[in-house]
Structures are given as structure tokens and as C-alpha cells.
Amino acid sequence: MPDITTRADIEQLIIRFYDKVKLDDTIGYIFNDIAKTNWEHHIPVIVDFWEGMLLDTTSYRRNAMDVHYQLHNKEPFRKEFFDRWLQLFRETLDELYEGEKATLAWKRAKGIADLMAFKMLGDGSLRG
């Protein structure tokens, strides 16, 4: 399998990942019903974020935590939300890519989930 090397690779990962998220019984409703996500707007923003994380670009210039705090205030996040998000991300990543950047994507996803869990739940130890 190829590694992640371009924005198009990241876009493929993010689109496939969020296709799963939208239909997921555990976290789908947060995106669909609580956030009422506009996917045409959201996907490019998230691709910008991950492009910065993996390819060192500067296209993402927002505070990623703000929108998550707003959602957390509407629908308090639970540990199982973070666990499921990570599970779907890992599953999607493993379907598409392997290599240095794919490994980095997993490490970054895990770090993001741990940081959010710590800040929102007071628990930064989602998994070992």
C-alpha cells in the first residue's frame, strides 16, 4: 500500500473516514444532529488541518479546540466518543495507507484525542 504523500491522499482519507462517521451509531449523531455539519465546508477545513499535521503546510489557521468545546457544551463528550473516533480513524487509515506518514497520522490522531479527552473529561489516557 502507498504512504500519504499529497493533499489528495489526505482528502481521500478524510472523505472515507467521515463517510463512516456520518453513519456511525456512536458518534454520527454528534456530526449530523448536534453540529449539523455542512460537509462541503467541513471536509476542506479538515483536510487543511491534516495537511498541516502531516505535510507541514500552513493552510489551517483556526483554533481546533474552540468548535469542539462548543459541541461539548451542547452534548457532553464521553470517553466512548473518543474511542470510537480513534477506531474509525485507524480502520480507515489502515485500509488506505502504510508507511512513515501513515504512522505519523495515527500518532497525531491519538495525541489529538488524548489532549481533547484530557481537556474535556480530565482523562488523557484513552489507550496505551
N, C-alpha and C. Protein backbone atom coordinates (compact mmCIF):
# COMPACT_ATOMS: atom_id res chain seq x y z
N MET A 1 0.85 -1.19 0.00
CA MET A 1 0.00 0.00 0.00
C MET A 1 0.88 1.25 0.00
N PRO A 2 0.37 2.33 -0.55
CA PRO A 2 1.14 3.57 -0.58
C PRO A 2 1.13 4.27 0.77
N ASP A 3 2.00 5.23 0.90
CA ASP A 3 2.03 6.11 2.07
C ASP A 3 1.28 7.40 1.69
N ILE A 4 1.02 8.22 2.66
CA ILE A 4 0.42 9.54 2.44
C ILE A 4 1.53 10.48 1.98
N THR A 5 1.35 11.06 0.80
CA THR A 5 2.37 11.97 0.29
C THR A 5 1.81 13.29 -0.23
N THR A 6 0.51 13.36 -0.48
CA THR A 6 -0.08 14.56 -1.09
C THR A 6 -1.36 14.97 -0.39
N ARG A 7 -1.81 16.17 -0.70
CA ARG A 7 -3.10 16.64 -0.20
C ARG A 7 -4.22 15.72 -0.68
N ALA A 8 -4.12 15.23 -1.91
CA ALA A 8 -5.14 14.33 -2.44
C ALA A 8 -5.23 13.04 -1.61
N ASP A 9 -4.10 12.56 -1.13
CA ASP A 9 -4.11 11.38 -0.26
C ASP A 9 -4.85 11.68 1.04
N ILE A 10 -4.58 12.83 1.60
CA ILE A 10 -5.25 13.23 2.85
C ILE A 10 -6.74 13.41 2.61
N GLU A 11 -7.09 14.01 1.50
CA GLU A 11 -8.51 14.20 1.17
C GLU A 11 -9.22 12.85 1.05
N GLN A 12 -8.58 11.89 0.42
CA GLN A 12 -9.17 10.55 0.30
C GLN A 12 -9.39 9.94 1.69
N LEU A 13 -8.39 10.05 2.56
CA LEU A 13 -8.51 9.54 3.92
C LEU A 13 -9.66 10.20 4.66
N ILE A 14 -9.72 11.51 4.61
CA ILE A 14 -10.73 12.26 5.37
C ILE A 14 -12.13 12.00 4.83
N ILE A 15 -12.30 11.96 3.53
CA ILE A 15 -13.63 11.68 2.97
C ILE A 15 -14.10 10.30 3.37
N ARG A 16 -13.25 9.31 3.23
CA ARG A 16 -13.65 7.94 3.60
C ARG A 16 -13.93 7.83 5.09
N PHE A 17 -13.09 8.46 5.89
CA PHE A 17 -13.28 8.45 7.34
C PHE A 17 -14.62 9.07 7.72
N TYR A 18 -14.91 10.25 7.20
CA TYR A 18 -16.16 10.90 7.57
C TYR A 18 -17.38 10.23 6.96
N ASP A 19 -17.22 9.51 5.86
CA ASP A 19 -18.33 8.69 5.36
C ASP A 19 -18.72 7.65 6.40
N LYS A 20 -17.75 7.11 7.10
CA LYS A 20 -18.03 6.14 8.18
C LYS A 20 -18.62 6.85 9.40
N VAL A 21 -18.03 7.99 9.74
CA VAL A 21 -18.50 8.74 10.91
C VAL A 21 -19.98 9.11 10.76
N LYS A 22 -20.36 9.59 9.59
CA LYS A 22 -21.75 10.02 9.36
C LYS A 22 -22.76 8.92 9.67
N LEU A 23 -22.38 7.68 9.41
CA LEU A 23 -23.29 6.55 9.59
C LEU A 23 -23.13 5.83 10.92
N ASP A 24 -22.18 6.27 11.72
CA ASP A 24 -21.84 5.55 12.94
C ASP A 24 -22.88 5.75 14.04
N ASP A 25 -23.25 4.65 14.69
CA ASP A 25 -24.26 4.70 15.75
C ASP A 25 -23.78 5.44 17.00
N THR A 26 -22.49 5.45 17.26
CA THR A 26 -21.96 6.07 18.47
C THR A 26 -21.73 7.56 18.31
N ILE A 27 -21.09 7.98 17.23
CA ILE A 27 -20.72 9.40 17.09
C ILE A 27 -21.38 10.12 15.92
N GLY A 28 -22.04 9.40 15.05
CA GLY A 28 -22.64 10.04 13.88
C GLY A 28 -23.61 11.15 14.22
N TYR A 29 -24.42 10.94 15.26
CA TYR A 29 -25.43 11.95 15.60
C TYR A 29 -24.81 13.28 16.03
N ILE A 30 -23.61 13.23 16.58
CA ILE A 30 -22.96 14.48 17.00
C ILE A 30 -22.70 15.36 15.78
N PHE A 31 -22.22 14.75 14.71
CA PHE A 31 -21.93 15.49 13.48
C PHE A 31 -23.21 15.84 12.72
N ASN A 32 -24.14 14.90 12.68
CA ASN A 32 -25.35 15.08 11.88
C ASN A 32 -26.42 15.92 12.57
N ASP A 33 -26.66 15.66 13.86
CA ASP A 33 -27.79 16.28 14.55
C ASP A 33 -27.39 17.44 15.46
N ILE A 34 -26.28 17.30 16.15
CA ILE A 34 -25.86 18.34 17.10
C ILE A 34 -25.11 19.46 16.36
N ALA A 35 -24.05 19.09 15.65
CA ALA A 35 -23.25 20.09 14.92
C ALA A 35 -23.91 20.50 13.61
N LYS A 36 -24.76 19.63 13.08
CA LYS A 36 -25.39 19.88 11.77
C LYS A 36 -24.31 20.25 10.74
N THR A 37 -23.33 19.37 10.64
CA THR A 37 -22.15 19.62 9.84
C THR A 37 -22.48 19.84 8.37
N ASN A 38 -21.96 20.92 7.83
CA ASN A 38 -22.02 21.19 6.40
C ASN A 38 -20.77 20.54 5.81
N TRP A 39 -20.93 19.35 5.25
CA TRP A 39 -19.79 18.54 4.82
C TRP A 39 -19.00 19.19 3.70
N GLU A 40 -19.66 19.92 2.82
CA GLU A 40 -18.95 20.60 1.74
C GLU A 40 -17.97 21.64 2.29
N HIS A 41 -18.32 22.24 3.40
CA HIS A 41 -17.44 23.21 4.06
C HIS A 41 -16.43 22.50 4.97
N HIS A 42 -16.89 21.51 5.71
CA HIS A 42 -16.08 20.86 6.74
C HIS A 42 -14.91 20.06 6.16
N ILE A 43 -15.15 19.31 5.11
CA ILE A 43 -14.09 18.45 4.56
C ILE A 43 -12.84 19.24 4.17
N PRO A 44 -12.95 20.31 3.39
CA PRO A 44 -11.72 21.06 3.05
C PRO A 44 -11.00 21.65 4.28
N VAL A 45 -11.76 22.05 5.29
CA VAL A 45 -11.15 22.59 6.50
C VAL A 45 -10.35 21.50 7.22
N ILE A 46 -10.93 20.32 7.32
CA ILE A 46 -10.25 19.21 8.00
C ILE A 46 -9.06 18.73 7.17
N VAL A 47 -9.20 18.75 5.86
CA VAL A 47 -8.06 18.40 5.00
C VAL A 47 -6.93 19.41 5.23
N ASP A 48 -7.26 20.69 5.33
CA ASP A 48 -6.25 21.71 5.64
C ASP A 48 -5.55 21.37 6.96
N PHE A 49 -6.33 21.01 7.97
CA PHE A 49 -5.77 20.68 9.27
C PHE A 49 -4.78 19.53 9.16
N TRP A 50 -5.21 18.43 8.54
CA TRP A 50 -4.36 17.25 8.44
C TRP A 50 -3.18 17.46 7.49
N GLU A 51 -3.36 18.30 6.50
CA GLU A 51 -2.24 18.62 5.62
C GLU A 51 -1.14 19.32 6.43
N GLY A 52 -1.54 20.20 7.32
CA GLY A 52 -0.58 20.85 8.20
C GLY A 52 0.09 19.86 9.14
N MET A 53 -0.69 18.94 9.67
CA MET A 53 -0.16 17.95 10.61
C MET A 53 0.83 16.98 9.94
N LEU A 54 0.56 16.63 8.69
CA LEU A 54 1.34 15.58 8.04
C LEU A 54 2.35 16.07 7.00
N LEU A 55 2.02 17.19 6.36
CA LEU A 55 2.88 17.67 5.28
C LEU A 55 3.48 19.05 5.58
N ASP A 56 3.29 19.50 6.81
CA ASP A 56 3.88 20.76 7.29
C ASP A 56 3.49 21.98 6.48
N THR A 57 2.24 22.04 6.04
CA THR A 57 1.75 23.25 5.37
C THR A 57 1.15 24.18 6.42
N THR A 58 0.80 25.36 5.99
CA THR A 58 0.23 26.35 6.92
C THR A 58 -1.17 26.78 6.48
N SER A 59 -1.89 25.89 5.81
CA SER A 59 -3.21 26.28 5.29
C SER A 59 -4.29 26.33 6.38
N TYR A 60 -4.09 25.64 7.50
CA TYR A 60 -5.07 25.66 8.59
C TYR A 60 -4.65 26.71 9.61
N ARG A 61 -5.53 27.68 9.84
CA ARG A 61 -5.20 28.79 10.74
C ARG A 61 -6.31 29.05 11.74
N ARG A 62 -6.90 28.01 12.25
CA ARG A 62 -8.00 28.15 13.20
C ARG A 62 -7.62 27.53 14.53
N ASN A 63 -8.47 27.74 15.51
CA ASN A 63 -8.30 27.07 16.79
C ASN A 63 -9.23 25.85 16.79
N ALA A 64 -8.65 24.69 16.63
CA ALA A 64 -9.44 23.46 16.51
C ALA A 64 -10.22 23.15 17.79
N MET A 65 -9.72 23.59 18.91
CA MET A 65 -10.40 23.26 20.17
C MET A 65 -11.69 24.04 20.35
N ASP A 66 -11.78 25.26 19.86
CA ASP A 66 -12.96 26.09 20.08
C ASP A 66 -14.25 25.41 19.65
N VAL A 67 -14.28 24.92 18.43
CA VAL A 67 -15.50 24.31 17.93
C VAL A 67 -15.85 23.04 18.72
N HIS A 68 -14.84 22.33 19.17
CA HIS A 68 -15.09 21.12 19.95
C HIS A 68 -15.62 21.46 21.36
N TYR A 69 -15.12 22.54 21.93
CA TYR A 69 -15.67 22.99 23.22
C TYR A 69 -17.14 23.39 23.06
N GLN A 70 -17.46 24.08 21.96
CA GLN A 70 -18.85 24.46 21.72
C GLN A 70 -19.75 23.24 21.62
N LEU A 71 -19.28 22.22 20.91
CA LEU A 71 -20.05 20.98 20.81
C LEU A 71 -20.17 20.27 22.15
N HIS A 72 -19.08 20.25 22.88
CA HIS A 72 -19.06 19.62 24.20
C HIS A 72 -20.07 20.29 25.13
N ASN A 73 -20.25 21.60 24.98
CA ASN A 73 -21.24 22.31 25.79
C ASN A 73 -22.67 21.94 25.40
N LYS A 74 -22.89 21.59 24.14
CA LYS A 74 -24.22 21.18 23.68
C LYS A 74 -24.51 19.72 24.01
N GLU A 75 -23.50 18.90 23.82
CA GLU A 75 -23.62 17.45 24.03
C GLU A 75 -22.31 16.98 24.65
N PRO A 76 -22.31 16.82 25.98
CA PRO A 76 -21.05 16.46 26.65
C PRO A 76 -20.41 15.21 26.04
N PHE A 77 -19.14 15.36 25.69
CA PHE A 77 -18.39 14.24 25.12
C PHE A 77 -18.15 13.19 26.19
N ARG A 78 -18.08 11.96 25.75
CA ARG A 78 -17.80 10.83 26.64
C ARG A 78 -16.60 10.07 26.10
N LYS A 79 -15.97 9.32 26.95
CA LYS A 79 -14.79 8.55 26.57
C LYS A 79 -15.06 7.69 25.35
N GLU A 80 -16.23 7.09 25.28
CA GLU A 80 -16.53 6.20 24.15
C GLU A 80 -16.59 6.95 22.81
N PHE A 81 -16.86 8.26 22.84
CA PHE A 81 -16.83 9.04 21.60
C PHE A 81 -15.40 9.12 21.06
N PHE A 82 -14.46 9.40 21.96
CA PHE A 82 -13.07 9.47 21.55
C PHE A 82 -12.57 8.11 21.08
N ASP A 83 -12.95 7.07 21.82
CA ASP A 83 -12.54 5.71 21.44
C ASP A 83 -13.06 5.34 20.06
N ARG A 84 -14.30 5.66 19.80
CA ARG A 84 -14.89 5.32 18.50
C ARG A 84 -14.27 6.14 17.38
N TRP A 85 -14.05 7.42 17.62
CA TRP A 85 -13.40 8.27 16.62
C TRP A 85 -12.04 7.68 16.25
N LEU A 86 -11.27 7.30 17.26
CA LEU A 86 -9.96 6.70 17.01
C LEU A 86 -10.07 5.37 16.27
N GLN A 87 -11.04 4.57 16.65
CA GLN A 87 -11.22 3.27 16.00
C GLN A 87 -11.53 3.45 14.51
N LEU A 88 -12.43 4.36 14.20
CA LEU A 88 -12.79 4.60 12.79
C LEU A 88 -11.62 5.22 12.02
N PHE A 89 -10.89 6.11 12.67
CA PHE A 89 -9.74 6.72 12.01
C PHE A 89 -8.69 5.66 11.69
N ARG A 90 -8.40 4.82 12.67
CA ARG A 90 -7.38 3.77 12.47
C ARG A 90 -7.81 2.79 11.38
N GLU A 91 -9.06 2.39 11.43
CA GLU A 91 -9.60 1.46 10.43
C GLU A 91 -9.46 2.04 9.02
N THR A 92 -9.82 3.30 8.87
CA THR A 92 -9.75 3.95 7.56
C THR A 92 -8.30 4.11 7.10
N LEU A 93 -7.47 4.56 8.00
CA LEU A 93 -6.05 4.72 7.69
C LEU A 93 -5.44 3.40 7.23
N ASP A 94 -5.73 2.32 7.95
CA ASP A 94 -5.18 1.00 7.61
C ASP A 94 -5.70 0.45 6.29
N GLU A 95 -6.89 0.87 5.90
CA GLU A 95 -7.45 0.44 4.61
C GLU A 95 -6.72 1.08 3.42
N LEU A 96 -6.17 2.27 3.65
CA LEU A 96 -5.65 3.07 2.54
C LEU A 96 -4.13 3.19 2.47
N TYR A 97 -3.47 3.29 3.62
CA TYR A 97 -2.07 3.69 3.62
C TYR A 97 -1.24 2.91 4.63
N GLU A 98 0.07 2.88 4.34
CA GLU A 98 1.05 2.42 5.31
C GLU A 98 2.36 3.14 5.01
N GLY A 99 3.14 3.32 6.03
CA GLY A 99 4.42 4.00 5.85
C GLY A 99 4.62 5.06 6.91
N GLU A 100 5.64 5.86 6.72
CA GLU A 100 6.04 6.86 7.70
C GLU A 100 4.94 7.89 7.99
N LYS A 101 4.34 8.44 6.95
CA LYS A 101 3.29 9.46 7.16
C LYS A 101 2.01 8.84 7.71
N ALA A 102 1.72 7.62 7.31
CA ALA A 102 0.54 6.93 7.87
C ALA A 102 0.75 6.69 9.36
N THR A 103 1.95 6.29 9.74
CA THR A 103 2.27 6.11 11.15
C THR A 103 2.18 7.44 11.90
N LEU A 104 2.68 8.50 11.28
CA LEU A 104 2.57 9.83 11.88
C LEU A 104 1.11 10.25 12.03
N ALA A 105 0.28 9.95 11.03
CA ALA A 105 -1.15 10.29 11.11
C ALA A 105 -1.79 9.62 12.32
N TRP A 106 -1.45 8.35 12.54
CA TRP A 106 -2.02 7.64 13.69
C TRP A 106 -1.53 8.26 15.00
N LYS A 107 -0.24 8.56 15.09
CA LYS A 107 0.30 9.17 16.31
C LYS A 107 -0.36 10.52 16.58
N ARG A 108 -0.54 11.30 15.53
CA ARG A 108 -1.17 12.61 15.70
C ARG A 108 -2.65 12.47 16.10
N ALA A 109 -3.36 11.54 15.47
CA ALA A 109 -4.77 11.32 15.82
C ALA A 109 -4.89 10.91 17.28
N LYS A 110 -4.04 10.01 17.70
CA LYS A 110 -4.04 9.56 19.10
C LYS A 110 -3.74 10.72 20.03
N GLY A 111 -2.73 11.53 19.68
CA GLY A 111 -2.38 12.68 20.51
C GLY A 111 -3.51 13.70 20.60
N ILE A 112 -4.18 13.94 19.49
CA ILE A 112 -5.30 14.87 19.47
C ILE A 112 -6.43 14.37 20.37
N ALA A 113 -6.78 13.11 20.21
CA ALA A 113 -7.85 12.53 21.03
C ALA A 113 -7.48 12.56 22.51
N ASP A 114 -6.25 12.22 22.84
CA ASP A 114 -5.81 12.26 24.24
C ASP A 114 -5.87 13.67 24.81
N LEU A 115 -5.42 14.65 24.03
CA LEU A 115 -5.44 16.04 24.50
C LEU A 115 -6.87 16.52 24.72
N MET A 116 -7.75 16.23 23.75
CA MET A 116 -9.14 16.66 23.90
C MET A 116 -9.80 15.96 25.09
N ALA A 117 -9.54 14.68 25.25
CA ALA A 117 -10.11 13.96 26.38
C ALA A 117 -9.61 14.55 27.70
N PHE A 118 -8.33 14.86 27.76
CA PHE A 118 -7.76 15.45 28.97
C PHE A 118 -8.42 16.79 29.28
N LYS A 119 -8.56 17.63 28.25
CA LYS A 119 -9.11 18.97 28.46
C LYS A 119 -10.61 18.95 28.74
N MET A 120 -11.32 18.01 28.12
CA MET A 120 -12.78 18.00 28.26
C MET A 120 -13.28 17.05 29.34
N LEU A 121 -12.55 15.97 29.56
CA LEU A 121 -13.01 14.96 30.51
C LEU A 121 -12.10 14.84 31.73
N GLY A 122 -10.93 15.47 31.63
CA GLY A 122 -9.96 15.33 32.71
C GLY A 122 -9.26 13.98 32.67
N ASP A 123 -9.30 13.32 31.49
CA ASP A 123 -8.68 12.00 31.34
C ASP A 123 -7.91 11.95 30.03
N GLY A 124 -6.61 11.95 30.12
CA GLY A 124 -5.78 11.91 28.92
C GLY A 124 -5.24 10.54 28.62
N SER A 125 -5.85 9.52 29.17
CA SER A 125 -5.31 8.17 28.97
C SER A 125 -6.35 7.27 28.30
N LEU A 126 -6.68 7.57 27.06
CA LEU A 126 -7.69 6.79 26.36
C LEU A 126 -7.21 5.38 26.07
N ARG A 127 -5.98 5.23 25.67
CA ARG A 127 -5.42 3.92 25.37
C ARG A 127 -3.93 3.96 25.62
N GLY A 128 -3.38 2.77 25.75
CA GLY A 128 -1.95 2.64 25.98
C GLY A 128 -1.15 2.76 24.72
